[in-house]
Amino acid sequence: MIRKHEVWIVDDDKAIRWVLERALEKVEVASRGFNKADDVLVSLKQFEPSVIITDIRMPGMDGLSLLELVRNESPRIPVIVMTAYADLDRAVAAFRGGAFEYLPKPFDVDDVVEIVQRAMRKSSEAPDVSTALGDTPGVFEIIGSSSAIQEVFRAIGRLADSSMTVLLTGESGTGKELVARALHRHSPRADMPFIALNTPAIPRDLLESELFGHEEGAFTGAAAQRIGRFEQADKGTLFLDEIGDMPPELQTRLLRVLADGEFYRVGGHQPKYADVRVIAATHQLLEERVKAGQFRADLFHRLNVIRLELPSLRDRADDIKVLAEHFLQEVASELGVYPKRLTSGALAALSRFDWPGNVRQLENVCRRVTVMAPSHEVDIGDLPLELLDPDDRSSALEELEWEVMLHRWAEQFVQSSETPVLEEAVPRFETTMIRFALAMSCGRKGKAARLLGWGRNTLTRKIRELGIDD
């Protein structure tokens, strides 16, 4: 087969091919464009390019099928996969299928050129004989197409078929357990147990038993033998959430298990062994806790084999729309109702919010508006006021019907007081209406009483009972 030092670009979008051809031309790299994968297979019978760049979605054969065929027939050719429909499944499938790199559209042309140059250097080296490893099992609930979440997808793809220890860092609510589950599903341990443990949720004196199990009679209340999380996760994955809060004495025991897989149940004398992949997560800066003497340095280095920082929601604001639509659909399915829809104003307000609680907070907001918003469309006035900036809040208050405002007030009142809501609301409502009627009647009680639909004596009594100043 004749080897040609050129890059083949496979995409049914002529504009994409043109942009990439011009960019490669500037760095003196020859290229050739194809609008469908079938033509590539015909040309491969005569020529072998240095690199192939292919889209995933195309008429006829898709890019992942082309990738598989190229890896089987010409494994030394690096294949760069690109797509406008970026998600975790496609990223993992691309890497698992042997892709050199995965590019979500739109991309930076300079980045593409740099990746192509790396791929060409690889192409000149010894052939890569790795082959595709089959279909990718579905992973759900990690949603988004922003560049920040695409980096996470790439990392999961690169770690597919690996059992390396991973440390997940990032703010609370960024989806660390979802990523841990995705890492497990795309690992050789996918058919074995995934066991999750939230470290701070377990009382300190029970955490050792929770992790390593205990023998009957090991302590007061240990009426029977218990299998710990490590034994439950044997041959599988153990996810330790908020590892930074683990007590120092248990850090020592965990280090021993990570080193050689050996541990003892509480009250036990026979060593136990477990082959467990550990994925740990924390929102804390472990380096600072190590310096402060609150976390073992050797354990930190043992956990920090592969580190994956998850982006905050404010760093992936482009994903807010698709995440919100997903959560609205999910809640509607749970409740058996038609999903609510965000107006452009509501979506813009959500995009301006800082989201200290990240994706988890957005999910809670979607649950709240599904139940509380009075109409099918969720407008800016239906959003919790604490989410709105001053301008949005003023606009929302102006647009709200008084019944909705009253509903909001009642909702907040019952959360902060044990007083019956009508006991508080009725006197305040009557006071407001009486003052309004007196103002409209210039203080004449007879006219004010007629506005209210009361007799004069009733108005006088109410003024006295409510302590309204004449």
Foldseek 3Di string as FASTA:
>chain_A
DAEDAAEEEEALDPVVVVVLCVLCVVVPGHYYYHDHLVVVVVCVVPYHYLEYEAEADHPDHGPLVSLQVCCQPPQLHAYEYEYQPDDLQVLLSCLLQPHQYYYYPPDDSVVVNVSVVVSSVSSPDDGDNDGHDDHQDDADDLDDDFPQSVVLSNVLNNCQQHLAFEEEEEAAQLCPVSSVLSSQSRYPLNVFDEAEDEQVVDPLVCSLCQAAWAADPLDPPSNHTTHHPQVNQASGEYEYEAPLPRAPVVLVQVLVCLVFQWDAHRVGDDIDGGDYRYYYYHHDDVVVCCVVVSHPPSSVVSNVPDYDYRDFCLVRLVCLQVLLQVLQVVLCVVVVHDGAAEDPQLSVLQSPFPPSNGSVVSSVQSNQLSPQVPDSYQYLLSGPLVSGDPVSNVVSVVPDDVVSVVVVVLVVDVVPDPPPSCVPPVLVVVLVLLVVLCVVVVNDQCSSCVVVVHHSVVSVVSCVVSVPDD
